[in-house]
Amino acid sequence: DKVGKGDRLAVLYTSSECDLEGIAADFAGVFRYGSRS
Protein backbone atom coordinates (compact mmCIF):
# COMPACT_ATOMS: atom_id res chain seq x y z
CA ASP A 1 0.00 0.00 0.00
CA LYS A 2 1.03 3.58 -0.71
CA VAL A 3 0.78 5.84 2.34
CA GLY A 4 1.20 9.52 3.02
CA LYS A 5 2.53 11.08 6.20
CA GLY A 6 -0.32 11.23 8.70
CA ASP A 7 -2.33 8.33 7.19
CA ARG A 8 -3.66 5.89 9.76
CA LEU A 9 -1.85 2.55 9.65
CA ALA A 10 -3.44 0.62 12.50
CA VAL A 11 -5.28 0.77 15.81
CA LEU A 12 -4.06 -0.86 19.04
CA TYR A 13 -6.65 -2.09 21.56
CA THR A 14 -6.30 -3.16 25.18
CA SER A 15 -8.08 -3.40 28.51
CA SER A 16 -4.94 -4.39 30.43
CA GLU A 17 -2.72 -2.18 32.58
CA CYS A 18 0.06 -1.83 30.03
CA ASP A 19 2.18 1.10 28.84
CA LEU A 20 0.09 1.85 25.77
CA GLU A 21 2.10 4.93 24.78
CA GLY A 22 5.37 3.01 24.97
CA ILE A 23 3.92 0.11 23.03
CA ALA A 24 2.64 2.50 20.35
CA ALA A 25 6.10 4.04 20.02
CA ASP A 26 7.63 0.59 19.56
CA PHE A 27 4.93 -0.41 17.09
CA ALA A 28 6.24 2.12 14.56
CA GLY A 29 9.18 -0.25 14.04
CA VAL A 30 6.85 -2.96 12.74
CA PHE A 31 6.60 -1.22 9.34
CA ARG A 32 9.24 -1.01 6.63
CA TYR A 33 9.02 1.59 3.85
CA GLY A 34 10.50 1.98 0.40
CA SER A 35 9.67 2.49 -3.25
CA ARG A 36 7.04 0.61 -5.21
CA SER A 37 9.77 -1.52 -6.79
Full PDB file with SEQRES, HELIX, SHEET, SSBOND, CRYST1, ORIGX, SCALE, CONECT and MASTER records, all heavy atoms in Angstrom:
SEQRES   1 A   37  ASP LYS VAL GLY LYS GLY ASP ARG LEU ALA VAL LEU TYR          
SEQRES   2 A   37  THR SER SER GLU CYS ASP LEU GLU GLY ILE ALA ALA ASP          
SEQRES   3 A   37  PHE ALA GLY VAL PHE ARG TYR GLY SER ARG SER                  
HELIX    1 AA1 LEU A   20  PHE A   27  1                                   8    
HELIX    2 AA2 ALA A   28  VAL A   30  5                                   3    
CRYST1    1.000    1.000    1.000  90.00  90.00  90.00 P 1           1          
ORIGX1      1.000000  0.000000  0.000000        0.00000                         
ORIGX2      0.000000  1.000000  0.000000        0.00000                         
ORIGX3      0.000000  0.000000  1.000000        0.00000                         
SCALE1      1.000000  0.000000  0.000000        0.00000                         
SCALE2      0.000000  1.000000  0.000000        0.00000                         
SCALE3      0.000000  0.000000  1.000000        0.00000                         
ATOM      1  N   ASP A   1       0.831  -1.207   0.000  1.00  0.00           N  
ATOM      2  CA  ASP A   1       0.000   0.000   0.000  1.00  0.00           C  
ATOM      3  C   ASP A   1       0.865   1.256   0.000  1.00  0.00           C  
ATOM      4  O   ASP A   1       1.889   1.332   0.687  1.00  0.00           O  
ATOM      5  CB  ASP A   1      -0.910   0.037   1.235  1.00  0.00           C  
ATOM      6  CG  ASP A   1      -2.044  -0.963   1.164  1.00  0.00           C  
ATOM      7  OD1 ASP A   1      -2.244  -1.547   0.074  1.00  0.00           O  
ATOM      8  OD2 ASP A   1      -2.724  -1.161   2.185  1.00  0.00           O  
ATOM      9  N   LYS A   2       0.392   2.270  -0.734  1.00  0.00           N  
ATOM     10  CA  LYS A   2       1.034   3.583  -0.705  1.00  0.00           C  
ATOM     11  C   LYS A   2       0.428   4.389   0.433  1.00  0.00           C  
ATOM     12  O   LYS A   2      -0.793   4.406   0.610  1.00  0.00           O  
ATOM     13  CB  LYS A   2       0.825   4.309  -2.025  1.00  0.00           C  
ATOM     14  CG  LYS A   2       1.529   5.667  -2.101  1.00  0.00           C  
ATOM     15  CD  LYS A   2       1.305   6.332  -3.446  1.00  0.00           C  
ATOM     16  CE  LYS A   2       2.043   7.664  -3.497  1.00  0.00           C  
ATOM     17  NZ  LYS A   2       1.841   8.348  -4.805  1.00  0.00           N  
ATOM     18  N   VAL A   3       1.276   5.032   1.223  1.00  0.00           N  
ATOM     19  CA  VAL A   3       0.780   5.839   2.341  1.00  0.00           C  
ATOM     20  C   VAL A   3       1.413   7.222   2.300  1.00  0.00           C  
ATOM     21  O   VAL A   3       2.526   7.410   1.778  1.00  0.00           O  
ATOM     22  CB  VAL A   3       1.072   5.174   3.710  1.00  0.00           C  
ATOM     23  CG1 VAL A   3       0.351   3.855   3.827  1.00  0.00           C  
ATOM     24  CG2 VAL A   3       2.561   4.999   3.940  1.00  0.00           C  
ATOM     25  N   GLY A   4       0.684   8.174   2.849  1.00  0.00           N  
ATOM     26  CA  GLY A   4       1.203   9.515   3.025  1.00  0.00           C  
ATOM     27  C   GLY A   4       1.401   9.801   4.501  1.00  0.00           C  
ATOM     28  O   GLY A   4       0.757   9.187   5.361  1.00  0.00           O  
ATOM     29  N   LYS A   5       2.285  10.725   4.810  1.00  0.00           N  
ATOM     30  CA  LYS A   5       2.535  11.084   6.198  1.00  0.00           C  
ATOM     31  C   LYS A   5       1.221  11.509   6.853  1.00  0.00           C  
ATOM     32  O   LYS A   5       0.486  12.335   6.313  1.00  0.00           O  
ATOM     33  CB  LYS A   5       3.563  12.207   6.277  1.00  0.00           C  
ATOM     34  CG  LYS A   5       3.970  12.550   7.698  1.00  0.00           C  
ATOM     35  CD  LYS A   5       5.070  13.603   7.723  1.00  0.00           C  
ATOM     36  CE  LYS A   5       5.475  13.921   9.156  1.00  0.00           C  
ATOM     37  NZ  LYS A   5       6.568  14.947   9.203  1.00  0.00           N  
ATOM     38  N   GLY A   6       0.914  10.914   7.998  1.00  0.00           N  
ATOM     39  CA  GLY A   6      -0.324  11.226   8.699  1.00  0.00           C  
ATOM     40  C   GLY A   6      -1.451  10.260   8.425  1.00  0.00           C  
ATOM     41  O   GLY A   6      -2.494  10.304   9.101  1.00  0.00           O  
ATOM     42  N   ASP A   7      -1.287   9.344   7.440  1.00  0.00           N  
ATOM     43  CA  ASP A   7      -2.326   8.330   7.187  1.00  0.00           C  
ATOM     44  C   ASP A   7      -2.355   7.327   8.337  1.00  0.00           C  
ATOM     45  O   ASP A   7      -1.307   6.947   8.878  1.00  0.00           O  
ATOM     46  CB  ASP A   7      -2.047   7.575   5.883  1.00  0.00           C  
ATOM     47  CG  ASP A   7      -2.318   8.419   4.644  1.00  0.00           C  
ATOM     48  OD1 ASP A   7      -2.927   9.492   4.785  1.00  0.00           O  
ATOM     49  OD2 ASP A   7      -1.922   7.984   3.545  1.00  0.00           O  
ATOM     50  N   ARG A   8      -3.564   6.888   8.688  1.00  0.00           N  
ATOM     51  CA  ARG A   8      -3.660   5.894   9.760  1.00  0.00           C  
ATOM     52  C   ARG A   8      -3.242   4.527   9.244  1.00  0.00           C  
ATOM     53  O   ARG A   8      -3.716   4.068   8.211  1.00  0.00           O  
ATOM     54  CB  ARG A   8      -5.083   5.834  10.309  1.00  0.00           C  
ATOM     55  CG  ARG A   8      -5.155   5.106  11.656  1.00  0.00           C  
ATOM     56  CD  ARG A   8      -6.516   5.190  12.297  1.00  0.00           C  
ATOM     57  NE  ARG A   8      -7.434   4.192  11.719  1.00  0.00           N  
ATOM     58  CZ  ARG A   8      -8.641   3.939  12.197  1.00  0.00           C  
ATOM     59  NH1 ARG A   8      -9.084   4.622  13.244  1.00  0.00           N  
ATOM     60  NH2 ARG A   8      -9.409   3.028  11.630  1.00  0.00           N  
ATOM     61  N   LEU A   9      -2.367   3.869  10.014  1.00  0.00           N  
ATOM     62  CA  LEU A   9      -1.848   2.545   9.648  1.00  0.00           C  
ATOM     63  C   LEU A   9      -2.544   1.423  10.398  1.00  0.00           C  
ATOM     64  O   LEU A   9      -2.757   0.337   9.845  1.00  0.00           O  
ATOM     65  CB  LEU A   9      -0.346   2.466   9.941  1.00  0.00           C  
ATOM     66  CG  LEU A   9       0.555   3.465   9.228  1.00  0.00           C  
ATOM     67  CD1 LEU A   9       1.985   3.305   9.728  1.00  0.00           C  
ATOM     68  CD2 LEU A   9       0.489   3.276   7.721  1.00  0.00           C  
ATOM     69  N   ALA A  10      -2.878   1.672  11.664  1.00  0.00           N  
ATOM     70  CA  ALA A  10      -3.439   0.615  12.502  1.00  0.00           C  
ATOM     71  C   ALA A  10      -4.013   1.219  13.773  1.00  0.00           C  
ATOM     72  O   ALA A  10      -3.785   2.397  14.078  1.00  0.00           O  
ATOM     73  CB  ALA A  10      -2.361  -0.411  12.855  1.00  0.00           C  
ATOM     74  N   VAL A  11      -4.765   0.370  14.494  1.00  0.00           N  
ATOM     75  CA  VAL A  11      -5.279   0.766  15.806  1.00  0.00           C  
ATOM     76  C   VAL A  11      -4.930  -0.332  16.800  1.00  0.00           C  
ATOM     77  O   VAL A  11      -5.142  -1.525  16.520  1.00  0.00           O  
ATOM     78  CB  VAL A  11      -6.814   0.979  15.787  1.00  0.00           C  
ATOM     79  CG1 VAL A  11      -7.289   1.455  17.158  1.00  0.00           C  
ATOM     80  CG2 VAL A  11      -7.224   1.968  14.702  1.00  0.00           C  
ATOM     81  N   LEU A  12      -4.374   0.068  17.956  1.00  0.00           N  
ATOM     82  CA  LEU A  12      -4.055  -0.856  19.038  1.00  0.00           C  
ATOM     83  C   LEU A  12      -5.188  -0.812  20.064  1.00  0.00           C  
ATOM     84  O   LEU A  12      -5.690   0.264  20.395  1.00  0.00           O  
ATOM     85  CB  LEU A  12      -2.744  -0.462  19.723  1.00  0.00           C  
ATOM     86  CG  LEU A  12      -1.522  -0.197  18.835  1.00  0.00           C  
ATOM     87  CD1 LEU A  12      -0.309   0.111  19.710  1.00  0.00           C  
ATOM     88  CD2 LEU A  12      -1.245  -1.361  17.921  1.00  0.00           C  
ATOM     89  N   TYR A  13      -5.568  -1.990  20.572  1.00  0.00           N  
ATOM     90  CA  TYR A  13      -6.650  -2.086  21.555  1.00  0.00           C  
ATOM     91  C   TYR A  13      -6.167  -2.851  22.781  1.00  0.00           C  
ATOM     92  O   TYR A  13      -5.422  -3.826  22.661  1.00  0.00           O  
ATOM     93  CB  TYR A  13      -7.850  -2.834  20.967  1.00  0.00           C  
ATOM     94  CG  TYR A  13      -8.495  -2.170  19.779  1.00  0.00           C  
ATOM     95  CD1 TYR A  13      -8.135  -2.526  18.481  1.00  0.00           C  
ATOM     96  CD2 TYR A  13      -9.477  -1.197  19.952  1.00  0.00           C  
ATOM     97  CE1 TYR A  13      -8.737  -1.929  17.382  1.00  0.00           C  
ATOM     98  CE2 TYR A  13     -10.087  -0.592  18.863  1.00  0.00           C  
ATOM     99  CZ  TYR A  13      -9.715  -0.964  17.583  1.00  0.00           C  
ATOM    100  OH  TYR A  13     -10.314  -0.367  16.500  1.00  0.00           O  
ATOM    101  N   THR A  14      -6.627  -2.426  23.965  1.00  0.00           N  
ATOM    102  CA  THR A  14      -6.297  -3.162  25.182  1.00  0.00           C  
ATOM    103  C   THR A  14      -7.233  -2.780  26.317  1.00  0.00           C  
ATOM    104  O   THR A  14      -7.797  -1.675  26.322  1.00  0.00           O  
ATOM    105  CB  THR A  14      -4.843  -2.902  25.619  1.00  0.00           C  
ATOM    106  OG1 THR A  14      -4.511  -3.761  26.701  1.00  0.00           O  
ATOM    107  CG2 THR A  14      -4.634  -1.461  26.048  1.00  0.00           C  
ATOM    108  N   SER A  15      -7.405  -3.694  27.247  1.00  0.00           N  
ATOM    109  CA  SER A  15      -8.077  -3.403  28.513  1.00  0.00           C  
ATOM    110  C   SER A  15      -7.141  -3.688  29.682  1.00  0.00           C  
ATOM    111  O   SER A  15      -7.552  -3.602  30.837  1.00  0.00           O  
ATOM    112  CB  SER A  15      -9.350  -4.252  28.655  1.00  0.00           C  
ATOM    113  OG  SER A  15     -10.299  -3.920  27.661  1.00  0.00           O  
ATOM    114  N   SER A  16      -5.902  -4.036  29.380  1.00  0.00           N  
ATOM    115  CA  SER A  16      -4.944  -4.387  30.430  1.00  0.00           C  
ATOM    116  C   SER A  16      -4.168  -3.152  30.884  1.00  0.00           C  
ATOM    117  O   SER A  16      -4.145  -2.118  30.199  1.00  0.00           O  
ATOM    118  CB  SER A  16      -3.978  -5.467  29.935  1.00  0.00           C  
ATOM    119  OG  SER A  16      -3.174  -4.966  28.894  1.00  0.00           O  
ATOM    120  N   GLU A  17      -3.531  -3.287  32.038  1.00  0.00           N  
ATOM    121  CA  GLU A  17      -2.720  -2.183  32.581  1.00  0.00           C  
ATOM    122  C   GLU A  17      -1.324  -2.235  31.966  1.00  0.00           C  
ATOM    123  O   GLU A  17      -0.363  -2.672  32.585  1.00  0.00           O  
ATOM    124  CB  GLU A  17      -2.649  -2.309  34.112  1.00  0.00           C  
ATOM    125  CG  GLU A  17      -3.978  -2.145  34.812  1.00  0.00           C  
ATOM    126  CD  GLU A  17      -4.578  -0.758  34.611  1.00  0.00           C  
ATOM    127  OE1 GLU A  17      -3.798   0.219  34.570  1.00  0.00           O  
ATOM    128  OE2 GLU A  17      -5.807  -0.652  34.487  1.00  0.00           O  
ATOM    129  N   CYS A  18      -1.236  -1.809  30.725  1.00  0.00           N  
ATOM    130  CA  CYS A  18       0.060  -1.826  30.028  1.00  0.00           C  
ATOM    131  C   CYS A  18       0.436  -0.391  29.653  1.00  0.00           C  
ATOM    132  O   CYS A  18      -0.391   0.524  29.692  1.00  0.00           O  
ATOM    133  CB  CYS A  18      -0.014  -2.709  28.786  1.00  0.00           C  
ATOM    134  SG  CYS A  18      -1.233  -2.169  27.565  1.00  0.00           S  
ATOM    135  N   ASP A  19       1.683  -0.210  29.279  1.00  0.00           N  
ATOM    136  CA  ASP A  19       2.180   1.097  28.842  1.00  0.00           C  
ATOM    137  C   ASP A  19       1.813   1.291  27.369  1.00  0.00           C  
ATOM    138  O   ASP A  19       2.611   1.034  26.474  1.00  0.00           O  
ATOM    139  CB  ASP A  19       3.697   1.165  29.042  1.00  0.00           C  
ATOM    140  CG  ASP A  19       4.296   2.479  28.559  1.00  0.00           C  
ATOM    141  OD1 ASP A  19       3.528   3.424  28.278  1.00  0.00           O  
ATOM    142  OD2 ASP A  19       5.534   2.547  28.438  1.00  0.00           O  
ATOM    143  N   LEU A  20       0.588   1.756  27.135  1.00  0.00           N  
ATOM    144  CA  LEU A  20       0.087   1.850  25.770  1.00  0.00           C  
ATOM    145  C   LEU A  20       0.889   2.839  24.937  1.00  0.00           C  
ATOM    146  O   LEU A  20       1.147   2.585  23.741  1.00  0.00           O  
ATOM    147  CB  LEU A  20      -1.400   2.239  25.783  1.00  0.00           C  
ATOM    148  CG  LEU A  20      -2.137   2.209  24.443  1.00  0.00           C  
ATOM    149  CD1 LEU A  20      -1.993   0.846  23.767  1.00  0.00           C  
ATOM    150  CD2 LEU A  20      -3.615   2.559  24.629  1.00  0.00           C  
ATOM    151  N   GLU A  21       1.313   3.943  25.525  1.00  0.00           N  
ATOM    152  CA  GLU A  21       2.097   4.933  24.778  1.00  0.00           C  
ATOM    153  C   GLU A  21       3.453   4.353  24.374  1.00  0.00           C  
ATOM    154  O   GLU A  21       3.916   4.549  23.250  1.00  0.00           O  
ATOM    155  CB  GLU A  21       2.287   6.205  25.611  1.00  0.00           C  
ATOM    156  CG  GLU A  21       1.010   6.981  25.877  1.00  0.00           C  
ATOM    157  CD  GLU A  21       0.344   7.476  24.604  1.00  0.00           C  
ATOM    158  OE1 GLU A  21       1.076   7.869  23.674  1.00  0.00           O  
ATOM    159  OE2 GLU A  21      -0.900   7.462  24.537  1.00  0.00           O  
ATOM    160  N   GLY A  22       4.088   3.633  25.289  1.00  0.00           N  
ATOM    161  CA  GLY A  22       5.373   3.014  24.968  1.00  0.00           C  
ATOM    162  C   GLY A  22       5.242   1.933  23.922  1.00  0.00           C  
ATOM    163  O   GLY A  22       6.088   1.804  23.019  1.00  0.00           O  
ATOM    164  N   ILE A  23       4.173   1.151  24.023  1.00  0.00           N  
ATOM    165  CA  ILE A  23       3.921   0.107  23.030  1.00  0.00           C  
ATOM    166  C   ILE A  23       3.695   0.726  21.654  1.00  0.00           C  
ATOM    167  O   ILE A  23       4.212   0.239  20.644  1.00  0.00           O  
ATOM    168  CB  ILE A  23       2.710  -0.756  23.452  1.00  0.00           C  
ATOM    169  CG1 ILE A  23       3.048  -1.571  24.699  1.00  0.00           C  
ATOM    170  CG2 ILE A  23       2.278  -1.687  22.321  1.00  0.00           C  
ATOM    171  CD1 ILE A  23       1.858  -2.279  25.312  1.00  0.00           C  
ATOM    172  N   ALA A  24       2.922   1.824  21.620  1.00  0.00           N  
ATOM    173  CA  ALA A  24       2.644   2.498  20.352  1.00  0.00           C  
ATOM    174  C   ALA A  24       3.935   3.021  19.721  1.00  0.00           C  
ATOM    175  O   ALA A  24       4.115   2.940  18.492  1.00  0.00           O  
ATOM    176  CB  ALA A  24       1.659   3.639  20.576  1.00  0.00           C  
ATOM    177  N   ALA A  25       4.815   3.547  20.536  1.00  0.00           N  
ATOM    178  CA  ALA A  25       6.098   4.044  20.016  1.00  0.00           C  
ATOM    179  C   ALA A  25       6.909   2.899  19.416  1.00  0.00           C  
ATOM    180  O   ALA A  25       7.515   3.043  18.343  1.00  0.00           O  
ATOM    181  CB  ALA A  25       6.876   4.731  21.131  1.00  0.00           C  
ATOM    182  N   ASP A  26       6.902   1.749  20.077  1.00  0.00           N  
ATOM    183  CA  ASP A  26       7.634   0.588  19.557  1.00  0.00           C  
ATOM    184  C   ASP A  26       6.976   0.015  18.307  1.00  0.00           C  
ATOM    185  O   ASP A  26       7.657  -0.534  17.439  1.00  0.00           O  
ATOM    186  CB  ASP A  26       7.715  -0.504  20.628  1.00  0.00           C  
ATOM    187  CG  ASP A  26       8.603  -0.115  21.793  1.00  0.00           C  
ATOM    188  OD1 ASP A  26       9.415   0.823  21.633  1.00  0.00           O  
ATOM    189  OD2 ASP A  26       8.473  -0.723  22.866  1.00  0.00           O  
ATOM    190  N   PHE A  27       5.654   0.164  18.218  1.00  0.00           N  
ATOM    191  CA  PHE A  27       4.926  -0.410  17.087  1.00  0.00           C  
ATOM    192  C   PHE A  27       5.323   0.230  15.763  1.00  0.00           C  
ATOM    193  O   PHE A  27       5.208  -0.396  14.706  1.00  0.00           O  
ATOM    194  CB  PHE A  27       3.421  -0.256  17.312  1.00  0.00           C  
ATOM    195  CG  PHE A  27       2.570  -0.986  16.309  1.00  0.00           C  
ATOM    196  CD1 PHE A  27       2.555  -2.379  16.266  1.00  0.00           C  
ATOM    197  CD2 PHE A  27       1.786  -0.308  15.393  1.00  0.00           C  
ATOM    198  CE1 PHE A  27       1.777  -3.067  15.353  1.00  0.00           C  
ATOM    199  CE2 PHE A  27       0.998  -0.974  14.470  1.00  0.00           C  
ATOM    200  CZ  PHE A  27       0.988  -2.357  14.451  1.00  0.00           C  
ATOM    201  N   ALA A  28       5.808   1.458  15.805  1.00  0.00           N  
ATOM    202  CA  ALA A  28       6.242   2.119  14.565  1.00  0.00           C  
ATOM    203  C   ALA A  28       7.320   1.307  13.860  1.00  0.00           C  
ATOM    204  O   ALA A  28       7.420   1.324  12.629  1.00  0.00           O  
ATOM    205  CB  ALA A  28       6.751   3.525  14.872  1.00  0.00           C  
ATOM    206  N   GLY A  29       8.110   0.549  14.634  1.00  0.00           N  
ATOM    207  CA  GLY A  29       9.178  -0.249  14.041  1.00  0.00           C  
ATOM    208  C   GLY A  29       8.704  -1.505  13.346  1.00  0.00           C  
ATOM    209  O   GLY A  29       9.506  -2.223  12.728  1.00  0.00           O  
ATOM    210  N   VAL A  30       7.415  -1.793  13.418  1.00  0.00           N  
ATOM    211  CA  VAL A  30       6.847  -2.959  12.736  1.00  0.00           C  
ATOM    212  C   VAL A  30       6.864  -2.775  11.222  1.00  0.00           C  
ATOM    213  O   VAL A  30       7.003  -3.731  10.458  1.00  0.00           O  
ATOM    214  CB  VAL A  30       5.406  -3.209  13.251  1.00  0.00           C  
ATOM    215  CG1 VAL A  30       4.615  -4.099  12.291  1.00  0.00           C  
ATOM    216  CG2 VAL A  30       5.444  -3.808  14.643  1.00  0.00           C  
ATOM    217  N   PHE A  31       6.732  -1.512  10.778  1.00  0.00           N  
ATOM    218  CA  PHE A  31       6.598  -1.218   9.343  1.00  0.00           C  
ATOM    219  C   PHE A  31       7.943  -0.909   8.702  1.00  0.00           C  
ATOM    220  O   PHE A  31       8.794  -0.248   9.286  1.00  0.00           O  
ATOM    221  CB  PHE A  31       5.667  -0.014   9.140  1.00  0.00           C  
ATOM    222  CG  PHE A  31       4.259  -0.250   9.610  1.00  0.00           C  
ATOM    223  CD1 PHE A  31       3.885   0.074  10.906  1.00  0.00           C  
ATOM    224  CD2 PHE A  31       3.313  -0.796   8.755  1.00  0.00           C  
ATOM    225  CE1 PHE A  31       2.597  -0.146  11.349  1.00  0.00           C  
ATOM    226  CE2 PHE A  31       2.019  -1.018   9.191  1.00  0.00           C  
ATOM    227  CZ  PHE A  31       1.657  -0.690  10.488  1.00  0.00           C  
ATOM    228  N   ARG A  32       8.103  -1.389   7.459  1.00  0.00           N  
ATOM    229  CA  ARG A  32       9.245  -1.011   6.625  1.00  0.00           C  
ATOM    230  C   ARG A  32       8.713  -0.265   5.409  1.00  0.00           C  
ATOM    231  O   ARG A  32       7.659  -0.611   4.851  1.00  0.00           O  
ATOM    232  CB  ARG A  32      10.037  -2.239   6.171  1.00  0.00           C  
ATOM    233  CG  ARG A  32      10.699  -2.990   7.307  1.00  0.00           C  
ATOM    234  CD  ARG A  32      11.710  -4.022   6.778  1.00  0.00           C  
ATOM    235  NE  ARG A  32      11.085  -5.000   5.903  1.00  0.00           N  
ATOM    236  CZ  ARG A  32      10.479  -6.104   6.326  1.00  0.00           C  
ATOM    237  NH1 ARG A  32      10.388  -6.351   7.622  1.00  0.00           N  
ATOM    238  NH2 ARG A  32       9.956  -6.960   5.473  1.00  0.00           N  
ATOM    239  N   TYR A  33       9.465   0.756   4.960  1.00  0.00           N  
ATOM    240  CA  TYR A  33       9.024   1.588   3.848  1.00  0.00           C  
ATOM    241  C   TYR A  33      10.059   1.570   2.735  1.00  0.00           C  
ATOM    242  O   TYR A  33      11.243   1.306   2.947  1.00  0.00           O  
ATOM    243  CB  TYR A  33       8.814   3.032   4.319  1.00  0.00           C  
ATOM    244  CG  TYR A  33       7.763   3.197   5.384  1.00  0.00           C  
ATOM    245  CD1 TYR A  33       8.105   3.120   6.741  1.00  0.00           C  
ATOM    246  CD2 TYR A  33       6.438   3.440   5.049  1.00  0.00           C  
ATOM    247  CE1 TYR A  33       7.144   3.279   7.729  1.00  0.00           C  
ATOM    248  CE2 TYR A  33       5.468   3.597   6.025  1.00  0.00           C  
ATOM    249  CZ  TYR A  33       5.832   3.517   7.370  1.00  0.00           C  
ATOM    250  OH  TYR A  33       4.881   3.674   8.345  1.00  0.00           O  
ATOM    251  N   GLY A  34       9.605   1.890   1.538  1.00  0.00           N  
ATOM    252  CA  GLY A  34      10.497   1.978   0.397  1.00  0.00           C  
ATOM    253  C   GLY A  34       9.737   2.410  -0.834  1.00  0.00           C  
ATOM    254  O   GLY A  34       8.631   2.961  -0.747  1.00  0.00           O  
ATOM    255  N   SER A  35      10.310   2.133  -1.983  1.00  0.00           N  
ATOM    256  CA  SER A  35       9.673   2.486  -3.253  1.00  0.00           C  
ATOM    257  C   SER A  35       8.754   1.358  -3.697  1.00  0.00           C  
ATOM    258  O   SER A  35       8.789   0.257  -3.153  1.00  0.00           O  
ATOM    259  CB  SER A  35      10.730   2.735  -4.319  1.00  0.00           C  
ATOM    260  OG  SER A  35      11.457   1.536  -4.555  1.00  0.00           O  
ATOM    261  N   ARG A  36       7.939   1.641  -4.696  1.00  0.00           N  
ATOM    262  CA  ARG A  36       7.035   0.610  -5.208  1.00  0.00           C  
ATOM    263  C   ARG A  36       7.814  -0.620  -5.665  1.00  0.00           C  
ATOM    264  O   ARG A  36       7.390  -1.758  -5.469  1.00  0.00           O  
ATOM    265  CB  ARG A  36       6.210   1.160  -6.373  1.00  0.00           C  
ATOM    266  CG  ARG A  36       5.217   0.130  -6.945  1.00  0.00           C  
ATOM    267  CD  ARG A  36       4.552   0.654  -8.220  1.00  0.00           C  
ATOM    268  NE  ARG A  36       3.680   1.771  -7.964  1.00  0.00           N  
ATOM    269  CZ  ARG A  36       2.417   1.672  -7.574  1.00  0.00           C  
ATOM    270  NH1 ARG A  36       1.885   0.481  -7.368  1.00  0.00           N  
ATOM    271  NH2 ARG A  36       1.683   2.745  -7.387  1.00  0.00           N  
ATOM    272  N   SER A  37       8.976  -0.410  -6.259  1.00  0.00           N  
ATOM    273  CA  SER A  37       9.768  -1.524  -6.789  1.00  0.00           C  
ATOM    274  C   SER A  37      10.286  -2.433  -5.678  1.00  0.00           C  
ATOM    275  O   SER A  37      10.649  -3.578  -5.921  1.00  0.00           O  
ATOM    276  CB  SER A  37      10.948  -0.999  -7.622  1.00  0.00           C  
ATOM    277  OG  SER A  37      11.807  -0.207  -6.817  1.00  0.00           O  
TER     278      SER A  37                                                      
MASTER        0    0    0    2    0    0    0    6  277    1    0    3          
END                                                                             
